[in-house]
Amino acid sequence: RVAKTNEYRYCLVLLFGMADTTPKSGEKTSDYYRTHNLPERFNQPDCFHGYGAKTENPMYQTASASYGSHPPNVHTVPTSFHGKSQKFSGHLGKSGMYRNYSLNTSLDKSRV
């Protein structure tokens, strides 16, 4: 929902030509929006240099590919971040995966 809100804001900026809200190089998201618990990769989107995508045949290009081809800016990154706890994965890494020790009642397949 946050991404759609930011996309909406960015569309308003493009539609109404608000030149004063066009982000300049090195600007932070917190300069334009109220942010909460935002990592630096979202607060300074200019640091992102892309994934190095290959050029595609335009005939087979999807809408998501065209959306992802533009670098992020302060209007398109989320304004809040709610990370998940790694408690379960940390416990699983220490103790190992569950192993099933139940009785096997299936017939063995013949290898003939």
Protein backbone atom coordinates (compact mmCIF):
# COMPACT_ATOMS: atom_id res chain seq x y z
CA ARG A 1 0.00 0.00 0.00
CA VAL A 2 2.91 2.35 0.74
CA ALA A 3 4.41 1.71 -2.71
CA LYS A 4 1.10 2.64 -4.39
CA THR A 5 0.91 5.84 -2.34
CA ASN A 6 4.43 6.83 -3.37
CA GLU A 7 3.67 5.98 -7.00
CA TYR A 8 0.58 8.19 -6.77
CA ARG A 9 2.65 11.05 -5.36
CA TYR A 10 5.20 10.67 -8.15
CA CYS A 11 2.42 10.74 -10.79
CA LEU A 12 1.06 13.96 -9.28
CA VAL A 13 4.51 15.49 -9.50
CA LEU A 14 4.76 14.52 -13.17
CA LEU A 15 1.21 15.60 -14.06
CA PHE A 16 1.20 18.99 -12.40
CA GLY A 17 4.82 19.86 -13.15
CA MET A 18 5.85 20.71 -9.62
CA ALA A 19 9.43 21.68 -10.41
CA ASP A 20 10.30 22.36 -6.76
CA THR A 21 9.58 18.72 -5.79
CA THR A 22 11.72 17.16 -8.52
CA PRO A 23 14.53 15.40 -6.65
CA LYS A 24 18.07 16.50 -7.30
CA SER A 25 21.09 14.24 -7.12
CA GLY A 26 22.00 13.26 -3.56
CA GLU A 27 18.67 14.25 -1.99
CA LYS A 28 17.10 12.15 0.74
CA THR A 29 13.57 10.79 0.98
CA SER A 30 13.28 12.35 4.44
CA ASP A 31 13.74 15.80 2.82
CA TYR A 32 10.40 15.35 0.99
CA TYR A 33 8.32 12.96 3.13
CA ARG A 34 7.85 12.06 6.78
CA THR A 35 9.69 8.75 7.16
CA HIS A 36 9.65 6.05 9.81
CA ASN A 37 12.37 3.47 10.48
CA LEU A 38 13.80 3.88 6.97
CA PRO A 39 17.07 2.11 6.01
CA GLU A 40 19.70 4.17 4.20
CA ARG A 41 19.07 2.35 0.90
CA PHE A 42 15.55 3.85 0.89
CA ASN A 43 16.51 7.21 2.37
CA GLN A 44 19.23 7.76 -0.27
CA PRO A 45 17.95 6.06 -3.45
CA ASP A 46 20.73 7.61 -5.58
CA CYS A 47 23.14 5.07 -4.07
CA PHE A 48 21.36 2.29 -6.00
CA HIS A 49 23.14 1.59 -9.29
CA GLY A 50 20.78 -1.00 -10.77
CA TYR A 51 20.93 -4.68 -11.53
CA GLY A 52 22.69 -4.46 -14.89
CA ALA A 53 19.71 -5.64 -16.93
CA LYS A 54 20.16 -6.90 -20.47
CA THR A 55 18.44 -5.13 -23.34
CA GLU A 56 15.22 -6.86 -24.32
CA ASN A 57 13.32 -7.16 -27.51
CA PRO A 58 10.64 -4.43 -27.19
CA MET A 59 8.05 -6.81 -28.61
CA TYR A 60 8.29 -9.02 -25.51
CA GLN A 61 8.76 -6.31 -22.89
CA THR A 62 6.27 -6.45 -20.01
CA ALA A 63 4.87 -3.58 -17.99
CA SER A 64 6.82 -4.66 -14.92
CA ALA A 65 10.05 -4.67 -16.94
CA SER A 66 9.46 -1.13 -18.11
CA TYR A 67 8.61 -0.02 -14.56
CA GLY A 68 11.76 -1.65 -13.21
CA SER A 69 13.99 -0.12 -15.87
CA HIS A 70 13.79 3.33 -14.21
CA PRO A 71 16.12 4.01 -11.28
CA PRO A 72 14.42 4.72 -7.93
CA ASN A 73 14.07 8.26 -6.65
CA VAL A 74 12.72 9.85 -3.48
CA HIS A 75 9.13 9.70 -4.80
CA THR A 76 9.13 5.99 -5.66
CA VAL A 77 10.77 4.41 -2.59
CA PRO A 78 8.67 3.49 0.48
CA THR A 79 8.48 5.99 3.33
CA SER A 80 8.31 3.39 6.12
CA PHE A 81 10.01 0.07 6.71
CA HIS A 82 8.77 -2.77 8.90
CA GLY A 83 11.38 -5.53 8.91
CA LYS A 84 10.58 -9.03 10.09
CA SER A 85 12.30 -10.73 13.00
CA GLN A 86 14.85 -13.42 12.12
CA LYS A 87 14.20 -15.31 15.38
CA PHE A 88 12.82 -18.46 13.73
CA SER A 89 15.59 -18.68 11.12
CA GLY A 90 18.25 -18.07 13.77
CA HIS A 91 16.89 -20.91 15.92
CA LEU A 92 16.62 -23.22 12.91
CA GLY A 93 20.22 -22.47 11.93
CA LYS A 94 21.47 -23.40 15.40
CA SER A 95 19.38 -26.54 15.92
CA GLY A 96 19.09 -27.85 12.36
CA MET A 97 16.13 -28.90 10.24
CA TYR A 98 13.43 -31.20 11.57
CA ARG A 99 14.07 -34.88 10.82
CA ASN A 100 11.23 -37.37 10.54
CA TYR A 101 12.01 -40.52 12.58
CA SER A 102 8.59 -42.16 12.09
CA LEU A 103 8.10 -45.76 10.92
CA ASN A 104 8.34 -46.25 7.15
CA THR A 105 5.45 -48.53 6.08
CA SER A 106 5.71 -48.16 2.30
CA LEU A 107 6.87 -50.98 0.05
CA ASP A 108 10.34 -50.75 -1.46
CA LYS A 109 10.33 -50.48 -5.25
CA SER A 110 11.95 -53.29 -7.16
CA ARG A 111 15.03 -52.22 -9.13
CA VAL A 112 14.65 -55.01 -11.70
